[in-house]
Amino acid sequence: MQVSIETISELERRMTVGVPAAVVESAVMARLQEAAGNVRLNGFRKGKIPLKVIKGRYGKGVRQEVVGEVMSKTYYQAIAEQNLKPAGQPRIEPKSLAEGKDLEYVALFEVFPEVTLADFKELKVEKLVARRRRKYRQDDRDTAPAAADMGSRNASEQDQRSIEY
C-alpha cells in the first residue's frame, strides 16, 4: 500500500492511497467463492454453481462492494501509519477502479489542530466566593392558603361525600 499526504491548508489534508490489484482481486475472489456456496440458481444444485457463472452474474456488484470495503480498511490503516487524527469523516474520491489495475483513491479530510499549552505558573487566579443566602423556613401559614386553593379547584361533587355510621 502506497500512501502520500499533501497539506492543503493548516487543517486540511489530501491523502492519496494506492492498493495493489492482487489485494483487491483476492478479496473479490474470496467473496465470490463465499457467495457460490449460498446462491441458488435454476439448473444448478445449491453450492455447485461454477465460479465463472457466479462471476458473470454477480461479479460487478461484488467487486463494487469489496472495493468500498478495501478503501475504508486501507484508509484507516494509512491514518494509523501516518499518526494523523482526523476531525471527521473523509471525502473519498476514487481515481482508478479498473479491474486488473491497482486501486487508487484520494481522501480529503480535516485534522485536529495542534495545541500548545501555555505556562500555567505565570497565570494568576482569583477565587470567587458566593454570598450566602439567608435561610428560609416554611410553615403552615405559607402553605395553608395555597393548599386550600388547590383543593377547592380540583374537587368535584363526587369527591365530597359524607359517610355516616
Protein backbone atom coordinates (compact mmCIF):
# COMPACT_ATOMS: atom_id res chain seq x y z
CA MET A 1 0.00 0.00 0.00
CA GLN A 2 1.41 3.36 -1.06
CA VAL A 3 0.42 6.48 0.86
CA SER A 4 1.25 10.11 0.16
CA ILE A 5 -0.07 13.09 2.12
CA GLU A 6 -0.36 16.69 0.98
CA THR A 7 -1.14 19.60 3.27
CA ILE A 8 -3.81 21.75 1.63
CA SER A 9 -4.34 24.19 4.47
CA GLU A 10 -3.49 24.34 8.14
CA LEU A 11 -6.16 21.76 8.99
CA GLU A 12 -7.00 20.07 5.68
CA ARG A 13 -5.09 17.11 4.25
CA ARG A 14 -5.22 15.22 0.95
CA MET A 15 -4.12 11.60 1.19
CA THR A 16 -3.54 9.53 -1.95
CA VAL A 17 -3.61 5.78 -1.34
CA GLY A 18 -2.61 3.06 -3.81
CA VAL A 19 -3.63 -0.56 -3.18
CA PRO A 20 -2.12 -3.38 -5.26
CA ALA A 21 -4.52 -5.11 -7.66
CA ALA A 22 -3.66 -8.50 -6.14
CA VAL A 23 -5.16 -7.48 -2.79
CA VAL A 24 -8.42 -6.36 -4.39
CA GLU A 25 -8.70 -9.35 -6.72
CA SER A 26 -8.05 -11.87 -3.92
CA ALA A 27 -10.76 -10.23 -1.80
CA VAL A 28 -13.19 -10.31 -4.76
CA MET A 29 -12.46 -13.99 -5.45
CA ALA A 30 -12.90 -14.89 -1.78
CA ARG A 31 -16.27 -13.10 -1.71
CA LEU A 32 -17.38 -14.83 -4.94
CA GLN A 33 -16.42 -18.26 -3.56
CA GLU A 34 -18.36 -17.48 -0.40
CA ALA A 35 -21.36 -16.48 -2.49
CA ALA A 36 -21.09 -19.64 -4.64
CA GLY A 37 -21.89 -21.74 -1.60
CA ASN A 38 -25.03 -19.78 -0.72
CA VAL A 39 -26.55 -18.79 -4.08
CA ARG A 40 -29.35 -20.78 -5.69
CA LEU A 41 -29.77 -20.72 -9.46
CA ASN A 42 -32.13 -22.78 -11.61
CA GLY A 43 -30.28 -25.64 -13.28
CA PHE A 44 -27.65 -25.95 -10.53
CA ARG A 45 -27.61 -27.57 -7.13
CA LYS A 46 -27.01 -25.30 -4.18
CA GLY A 47 -23.27 -24.83 -3.68
CA LYS A 48 -22.38 -26.47 -7.04
CA ILE A 49 -22.55 -23.39 -9.27
CA PRO A 50 -19.36 -22.82 -11.28
CA LEU A 51 -17.36 -19.76 -10.28
CA LYS A 52 -17.48 -18.47 -13.86
CA VAL A 53 -21.29 -18.32 -13.73
CA ILE A 54 -21.25 -16.61 -10.32
CA LYS A 55 -18.67 -14.10 -11.57
CA GLY A 56 -20.71 -13.34 -14.69
CA ARG A 57 -23.91 -12.76 -12.75
CA TYR A 58 -22.69 -11.13 -9.52
CA GLY A 59 -19.11 -10.06 -10.33
CA LYS A 60 -19.67 -6.31 -10.80
CA GLY A 61 -21.78 -5.89 -7.66
CA VAL A 62 -19.41 -7.96 -5.55
CA ARG A 63 -16.42 -6.01 -6.91
CA GLN A 64 -18.01 -2.66 -6.02
CA GLU A 65 -18.81 -3.90 -2.53
CA VAL A 66 -15.28 -5.25 -1.98
CA VAL A 67 -13.64 -2.09 -3.39
CA GLY A 68 -15.65 0.02 -0.92
CA GLU A 69 -14.58 -2.19 1.97
CA VAL A 70 -10.93 -2.18 0.85
CA MET A 71 -10.93 1.63 0.54
CA SER A 72 -12.39 2.00 4.02
CA LYS A 73 -9.98 -0.52 5.55
CA THR A 74 -6.88 0.93 3.87
CA TYR A 75 -7.91 4.50 4.75
CA TYR A 76 -7.92 3.67 8.46
CA GLN A 77 -4.65 1.72 8.14
CA ALA A 78 -3.00 4.69 6.41
CA ILE A 79 -4.30 7.10 9.07
CA ALA A 80 -2.82 4.89 11.79
CA GLU A 81 0.52 4.56 9.97
CA GLN A 82 0.84 8.31 9.44
CA ASN A 83 -0.24 9.14 13.04
CA LEU A 84 -2.98 11.51 11.87
CA LYS A 85 -6.05 12.44 13.90
CA PRO A 86 -8.93 13.19 11.51
CA ALA A 87 -11.63 15.53 12.81
CA GLY A 88 -14.46 13.97 10.80
CA GLN A 89 -15.37 11.60 8.01
CA PRO A 90 -13.26 11.76 4.85
CA ARG A 91 -14.45 12.59 1.36
CA ILE A 92 -13.12 9.69 -0.71
CA GLU A 93 -12.79 10.07 -4.48
CA PRO A 94 -11.63 7.03 -6.47
CA LYS A 95 -9.00 7.68 -9.15
CA SER A 96 -8.76 4.28 -10.81
CA LEU A 97 -11.20 1.41 -10.29
CA ALA A 98 -10.37 -0.63 -13.40
CA GLU A 99 -10.28 -4.39 -12.97
CA GLY A 100 -6.76 -5.81 -13.02
CA LYS A 101 -5.14 -2.44 -12.23
CA ASP A 102 -4.06 -1.06 -8.90
CA LEU A 103 -6.80 0.64 -6.90
CA GLU A 104 -6.03 4.29 -6.28
CA TYR A 105 -8.12 6.84 -4.42
CA VAL A 106 -7.84 10.28 -2.82
CA ALA A 107 -9.19 11.03 0.64
CA LEU A 108 -9.79 14.64 1.71
CA PHE A 109 -10.20 15.23 5.43
CA GLU A 110 -9.55 17.70 8.21
CA VAL A 111 -7.31 17.05 11.20
CA PHE A 112 -7.44 18.41 14.72
CA PRO A 113 -5.17 21.42 15.22
CA GLU A 114 -2.01 21.08 17.26
CA VAL A 115 -2.45 22.83 20.59
CA THR A 116 0.48 24.06 22.65
CA LEU A 117 -0.20 24.70 26.30
CA ALA A 118 0.92 27.91 27.95
CA ASP A 119 2.99 28.04 31.14
CA PHE A 120 0.44 27.86 33.95
CA LYS A 121 2.85 29.08 36.61
CA GLU A 122 2.60 32.63 35.31
CA LEU A 123 -1.21 32.78 35.43
CA LYS A 124 -2.90 34.41 38.39
CA VAL A 125 -6.27 33.10 39.52
CA GLU A 126 -8.72 34.86 41.77
CA LYS A 127 -11.00 32.67 43.83
CA LEU A 128 -14.61 33.83 43.75
CA VAL A 129 -16.81 33.21 46.78
CA ALA A 130 -20.60 33.24 46.58
CA ARG A 131 -22.60 35.16 49.17
CA ARG A 132 -24.67 33.05 51.49
CA ARG A 133 -28.43 33.24 51.32
CA ARG A 134 -30.41 33.66 54.45
CA LYS A 135 -32.23 30.55 55.47
CA TYR A 136 -35.94 30.48 54.89
CA ARG A 137 -38.23 28.31 56.95
CA GLN A 138 -41.57 27.27 55.64
CA ASP A 139 -44.55 26.84 57.95
CA ASP A 140 -48.30 26.29 57.69
CA ARG A 141 -49.01 30.00 57.35
CA ASP A 142 -47.24 29.93 53.98
CA THR A 143 -48.68 26.71 52.61
CA ALA A 144 -52.25 26.64 54.01
CA PRO A 145 -53.79 29.17 51.57
CA ALA A 146 -52.22 27.51 48.55
CA ALA A 147 -53.30 24.01 49.69
CA ALA A 148 -56.88 25.17 50.28
CA ASP A 149 -56.98 26.83 46.89
CA MET A 150 -55.68 23.70 45.15
CA GLY A 151 -58.18 21.51 46.99
CA SER A 152 -61.15 23.65 46.03
CA ARG A 153 -60.04 23.95 42.40
CA ASN A 154 -59.61 20.23 41.82
CA ALA A 155 -62.56 18.95 43.86
CA SER A 156 -65.85 17.87 42.34
CA GLU A 157 -69.21 16.99 43.89
CA GLN A 158 -68.47 13.28 43.75
CA ASP A 159 -65.34 13.78 45.86
CA GLN A 160 -67.30 15.33 48.75
CA ARG A 161 -69.38 12.58 50.28
CA SER A 162 -70.06 12.01 53.89
CA ILE A 163 -70.19 8.58 55.43
CA GLU A 164 -72.49 8.03 58.36
CA TYR A 165 -72.03 5.19 60.79
